[in-house]
Protein backbone atom coordinates (compact mmCIF):
# COMPACT_ATOMS: atom_id res chain seq x y z
CA MET A 1 -44.62 22.50 15.50
CA SER A 2 -45.11 24.48 11.57
CA HIS A 3 -42.76 23.14 8.60
CA ARG A 4 -40.35 26.02 9.41
CA SER A 5 -40.10 25.49 13.23
CA PHE A 6 -36.18 24.43 13.30
CA PRO A 7 -36.07 20.99 16.26
CA ALA A 8 -34.88 21.87 19.21
CA ALA A 9 -30.67 21.81 19.60
CA THR A 10 -27.77 21.77 22.74
CA GLY A 11 -24.75 23.23 20.67
CA ARG A 12 -23.77 25.87 18.39
CA VAL A 13 -20.63 26.42 16.08
CA PRO A 14 -17.92 28.33 18.07
CA PRO A 15 -17.29 31.85 16.73
CA GLY A 16 -14.52 31.77 14.42
CA ALA A 17 -14.64 28.39 13.72
CA ILE A 18 -15.77 28.70 9.80
CA GLY A 19 -13.10 28.38 7.25
CA HIS A 20 -10.41 27.11 9.75
CA ASN A 21 -10.02 23.45 9.26
CA ARG A 22 -6.75 21.60 8.68
CA GLY A 23 -7.58 19.01 5.77
CA VAL A 24 -5.76 19.47 2.55
CA VAL A 25 -6.54 17.75 -0.83
CA GLU A 26 -4.24 17.69 -3.63
CA ARG A 27 -3.41 15.81 -6.67
CA ASN A 28 -1.86 13.13 -5.26
CA TYR A 29 -1.96 13.32 -1.40
CA ALA A 30 -4.84 13.87 0.96
CA PHE A 31 -4.85 14.71 4.53
CA MET A 32 -8.00 14.03 6.70
CA PRO A 33 -8.92 15.23 10.21
CA PRO A 34 -12.05 13.29 11.46
CA GLU A 35 -13.94 16.52 12.45
CA GLY A 36 -14.30 16.94 8.51
CA VAL A 37 -15.84 13.77 7.25
CA LEU A 38 -19.39 13.31 7.05
CA VAL A 39 -21.38 10.61 7.65
CA SER A 40 -22.55 7.83 5.41
CA ARG A 41 -24.41 4.55 5.94
CA LEU A 42 -23.56 1.07 3.95
CA PRO A 43 -26.37 -0.99 2.61
CA GLN A 44 -24.69 -4.41 4.05
CA TYR A 45 -24.82 -3.04 7.55
CA GLN A 46 -27.11 -2.08 9.87
CA ASN A 47 -27.27 0.48 12.78
CA THR A 48 -23.69 1.04 11.59
CA ILE A 49 -22.47 4.81 10.63
CA ALA A 50 -19.73 5.04 7.76
CA ARG A 51 -17.36 7.65 7.41
CA ILE A 52 -15.13 7.44 4.08
CA LEU A 53 -11.43 8.32 4.63
CA THR A 54 -10.32 7.80 0.87
CA ALA A 55 -11.66 6.06 -2.43
CA PRO A 56 -11.24 6.23 -5.81
CA VAL A 57 -12.69 9.84 -7.09
CA MET A 58 -9.70 11.13 -4.56
CA GLY A 59 -7.55 9.11 -6.78
CA ALA A 60 -6.41 6.18 -4.49
CA ALA A 61 -6.96 2.35 -5.85
CA PHE A 62 -8.41 1.32 -2.38
CA ALA A 63 -11.14 2.24 -0.27
CA GLN A 64 -10.97 2.92 3.55
CA TYR A 65 -13.26 3.68 6.22
CA VAL A 66 -14.26 4.06 9.68
CA LEU A 67 -17.38 2.03 11.12
CA GLU A 68 -18.80 3.48 13.67
CA ILE A 69 -21.43 -0.01 14.91
CA ALA A 70 -23.53 0.43 17.72
CA GLU A 71 -24.83 -2.05 19.90
CA GLY A 72 -27.34 -4.55 17.90
CA GLY A 73 -25.77 -3.35 14.64
CA GLY A 74 -23.25 -4.89 12.14
CA MET A 75 -23.78 -7.35 9.48
CA PRO A 76 -27.37 -9.18 9.04
CA LYS A 77 -26.83 -11.38 6.85
CA ALA A 78 -23.31 -12.78 5.16
CA PHE A 79 -21.53 -10.32 2.68
CA ALA A 80 -19.08 -11.49 0.24
CA GLU A 81 -17.36 -9.42 -3.03
CA GLN A 82 -15.79 -11.30 -6.01
CA ASP A 83 -12.41 -10.25 -6.95
CA ILE A 84 -12.53 -8.13 -3.75
CA GLN A 85 -10.57 -8.37 -0.57
CA HIS A 86 -11.54 -6.54 2.93
CA PHE A 87 -8.89 -6.08 6.14
CA TYR A 88 -10.84 -4.88 9.34
CA TYR A 89 -8.80 -3.28 12.74
CA VAL A 90 -10.85 -3.14 15.84
CA LEU A 91 -9.97 1.06 17.12
CA ALA A 92 -12.71 0.55 19.96
CA GLY A 93 -15.32 -1.90 21.76
CA GLU A 94 -15.77 -5.32 20.21
CA VAL A 95 -17.00 -7.60 17.47
CA THR A 96 -17.44 -10.99 16.41
CA LEU A 97 -16.17 -11.61 12.70
CA SER A 98 -17.43 -15.02 11.39
CA VAL A 99 -15.88 -16.43 8.50
CA GLU A 100 -18.60 -18.74 6.43
CA GLY A 101 -17.73 -22.40 6.78
CA GLY A 102 -15.13 -21.54 8.90
CA GLU A 103 -13.65 -19.69 12.15
CA SER A 104 -15.51 -16.51 14.35
CA ARG A 105 -13.69 -14.67 16.79
CA SER A 106 -14.63 -12.05 18.95
CA LEU A 107 -11.85 -9.37 18.21
CA GLY A 108 -11.43 -6.62 20.62
CA VAL A 109 -9.23 -3.43 20.24
CA GLY A 110 -6.39 -4.29 18.37
CA GLY A 111 -7.98 -7.65 16.74
CA PHE A 112 -8.00 -7.78 13.06
CA ALA A 113 -8.78 -9.45 10.37
CA TYR A 114 -8.39 -10.38 6.40
CA LEU A 115 -10.75 -11.80 3.89
CA PRO A 116 -9.90 -12.28 0.79
CA PRO A 117 -12.11 -12.19 -2.34
CA GLY A 118 -14.99 -14.17 -2.24
CA THR A 119 -15.02 -15.00 1.07
CA SER A 120 -18.44 -14.81 2.49
CA PHE A 121 -18.38 -13.39 6.28
CA THR A 122 -20.29 -11.29 8.97
CA LEU A 123 -18.69 -8.57 11.50
CA ARG A 124 -21.57 -7.52 14.00
CA HIS A 125 -21.34 -5.62 17.49
CA ALA A 126 -20.21 -7.44 20.53
CA GLY A 127 -20.66 -6.34 23.92
CA GLU A 128 -21.90 -2.77 24.96
CA GLY A 129 -21.48 0.63 23.77
CA ARG A 130 -20.25 1.46 20.35
CA ALA A 131 -17.58 -0.34 18.31
CA ASP A 132 -15.39 1.19 15.92
CA VAL A 133 -13.99 -0.56 13.30
CA LEU A 134 -10.84 0.77 10.44
CA ALA A 135 -12.02 -1.16 7.06
CA LEU A 136 -10.04 -1.70 3.94
CA ARG A 137 -11.71 -2.52 0.57
CA LYS A 138 -9.02 -3.34 -2.52
CA ARG A 139 -9.35 -5.31 -5.12
CA TYR A 140 -7.03 -8.58 -5.49
CA GLU A 141 -4.13 -8.50 -8.21
CA PRO A 142 -3.26 -12.50 -8.57
CA ALA A 143 0.21 -13.32 -9.36
CA PRO A 144 0.49 -16.17 -11.91
CA GLY A 145 2.02 -19.63 -9.70
CA PHE A 146 0.57 -18.37 -6.60
CA SER A 147 -2.91 -19.63 -4.97
CA MET A 148 -5.08 -17.29 -3.10
CA PRO A 149 -4.38 -16.79 0.74
CA GLU A 150 -6.38 -17.75 3.40
CA PRO A 151 -8.73 -15.83 5.93
CA ILE A 152 -6.69 -14.45 8.86
CA LEU A 153 -8.28 -13.47 12.45
CA SER A 154 -5.94 -12.27 14.92
CA HIS A 155 -4.69 -9.77 17.45
CA CYS A 156 -1.49 -7.10 17.05
CA ASP A 157 -0.28 -8.59 20.41
CA ALA A 158 0.49 -12.10 18.52
CA VAL A 159 2.30 -10.00 15.98
CA PRO A 160 6.33 -9.73 17.05
CA MET A 161 7.90 -6.77 17.18
CA THR A 162 10.78 -6.18 14.54
CA ASN A 163 13.03 -3.58 13.50
CA HIS A 164 14.88 -4.50 10.17
CA THR A 165 16.41 -1.01 9.29
CA GLY A 166 18.23 -1.38 12.64
CA MET A 167 17.25 2.52 13.27
CA GLU A 168 16.84 3.05 16.87
CA GLY A 169 13.79 3.85 18.67
CA ARG A 170 11.41 2.67 15.67
CA GLY A 171 9.47 -0.82 15.37
CA PHE A 172 7.41 -2.77 12.92
CA GLN A 173 4.30 -5.18 13.50
CA PHE A 174 3.38 -6.96 10.27
CA LEU A 175 0.22 -8.05 10.47
CA LEU A 176 -0.32 -9.82 6.99
CA PRO A 177 3.20 -12.07 6.34
CA TYR A 178 5.48 -10.02 5.18
CA GLY A 179 7.38 -11.09 1.75
CA ASP A 180 4.53 -13.19 1.08
CA MET A 181 3.77 -13.26 -2.45
CA ARG A 182 -0.34 -14.16 -2.32
CA PHE A 183 -0.54 -10.46 -0.91
CA ASP A 184 -0.70 -7.67 -3.40
CA PHE A 185 -0.45 -5.26 0.37
CA GLU A 186 0.50 -5.21 3.55
CA MET A 187 -0.68 -3.72 6.63
CA ASN A 188 1.82 -2.61 9.14
CA LEU A 189 2.18 -0.94 12.62
CA MET A 190 4.92 1.50 12.80
CA TRP A 191 5.73 2.61 16.37
CA PHE A 192 8.25 5.14 16.78
CA LYS A 193 9.81 6.49 19.84
CA PRO A 194 9.45 10.57 21.01
CA GLY A 195 12.06 12.01 18.57
CA VAL A 196 12.72 9.62 16.44
CA CYS A 197 12.28 10.70 12.47
CA PHE A 198 12.65 8.97 9.14
CA PRO A 199 15.92 8.98 7.80
CA ALA A 200 15.53 10.73 4.69
CA VAL A 201 12.29 11.79 2.95
CA GLU A 202 10.79 8.88 1.29
CA THR A 203 9.72 9.20 -2.68
CA HIS A 204 8.15 6.01 -4.05
CA VAL A 205 5.59 4.57 -6.09
CA MET A 206 3.77 2.70 -3.24
CA GLU A 207 0.95 4.66 -2.19
CA HIS A 208 -0.10 4.12 1.24
CA GLY A 209 -3.63 5.21 3.76
CA LEU A 210 -1.72 6.18 7.21
CA TYR A 211 -4.49 6.02 10.60
CA MET A 212 -2.93 7.42 13.45
CA LEU A 213 -3.77 5.28 16.45
CA GLU A 214 -1.13 6.94 19.20
CA GLY A 215 0.73 9.97 19.99
CA GLN A 216 1.54 12.96 17.52
CA GLY A 217 3.65 14.33 15.04
CA LEU A 218 4.19 16.03 12.11
CA TYR A 219 4.07 14.93 9.05
CA LEU A 220 5.34 15.77 5.84
CA LEU A 221 3.33 15.56 2.79
CA GLY A 222 4.91 17.51 -0.38
CA ARG A 223 6.24 20.64 0.29
CA ASP A 224 4.21 21.23 3.64
CA TRP A 225 4.21 19.96 7.14
CA HIS A 226 1.46 18.86 8.85
CA GLU A 227 0.57 18.22 12.33
CA ILE A 228 -0.95 14.73 13.13
CA TRP A 229 -2.75 13.48 16.35
CA ALA A 230 -4.87 10.10 17.14
CA ARG A 231 -7.60 9.77 14.48
CA ASP A 232 -6.31 11.40 11.81
CA PHE A 233 -6.08 10.05 7.92
CA ILE A 234 -3.37 10.30 5.24
CA TRP A 235 -3.61 9.43 2.13
CA MET A 236 -0.48 9.64 -0.02
CA GLY A 237 -0.37 8.48 -3.97
CA GLY A 238 2.57 7.22 -5.62
CA TYR A 239 5.96 9.67 -5.59
CA CYS A 240 4.37 11.72 -2.83
CA PRO A 241 7.54 12.79 -0.67
CA GLN A 242 6.98 11.59 2.19
CA GLN A 243 8.68 12.06 6.13
CA PHE A 244 7.28 11.84 9.65
CA TYR A 245 8.63 13.64 12.86
CA PRO A 246 7.13 11.99 16.25
CA THR A 247 6.89 15.43 18.72
CA GLY A 248 4.87 13.74 21.72
CA GLN A 249 6.34 12.53 25.04
CA GLY A 250 5.03 9.75 24.46
CA ASP A 251 5.34 6.62 21.54
CA ALA A 252 3.78 7.54 18.66
CA CYS A 253 1.90 4.41 16.42
CA TYR A 254 0.28 4.44 13.22
CA LEU A 255 -1.75 2.13 10.84
CA LEU A 256 -0.28 1.69 7.50
CA TYR A 257 -1.32 0.64 4.51
CA LYS A 258 0.85 -0.32 1.44
CA ASN A 259 0.72 -1.92 -1.79
CA VAL A 260 3.22 -4.18 -2.71
CA ASN A 261 4.36 -7.66 -4.57
CA ARG A 262 3.16 -6.65 -7.95
CA ASP A 263 4.76 -5.46 -11.15
CA ILE A 264 3.61 -2.51 -12.53
CA PRO A 265 1.18 -2.82 -15.06
CA LEU A 266 1.99 -1.12 -18.47
């Protein structure tokens, strides 16, 4: 093969695909469908593709990823970051997360882990096929008088469904201890029955990272509505007007990051 010969390929760009894109990036929000998020690789992982969903370059104060871990992949050695906390949620397959000097646990779909700053840990593929893991990194904001949280390794089935709003057809699973001031963010599973929407357009100081897990719906961001499906991601900055309206025939669920429990830095 000469240096000008193209490798053999089986795929072809479909007619009319050029320029058609559901993705939108605005000043204080972004709507990110999976088809537009390119692959990357990170030095702490092997045999792993990282798809970076949001980062400070976009305007977010955290970073969020989907990790696609092949068999035998993951962290070849223990990894830790001072001042940076980690959260993982398993989307597909199975991984083993081990805290150095602490617990080791196999996590299947719906399994999750919180690692406080400075925690040394490994995340490795376990089982067959590919494992997909939603990952989040955030710089920890300590609060005077409160100790550092401990690591958490658990599963969403162990977290009760609550509904503090009292609104029919809504459910909340707080994966991190709700109201615990040691934590500076929440990771919540938000559940909706068909046709149950937010009671109002929300406009607040917290920022969000939203990953759609099940169902579909319409999401208001700013002044525009976006159709959201499973595997879509939304970053919402502070004071972004927002509202969700599920449109599918079954339940809708998304995993929501929210920064909480800290005063405003001036």
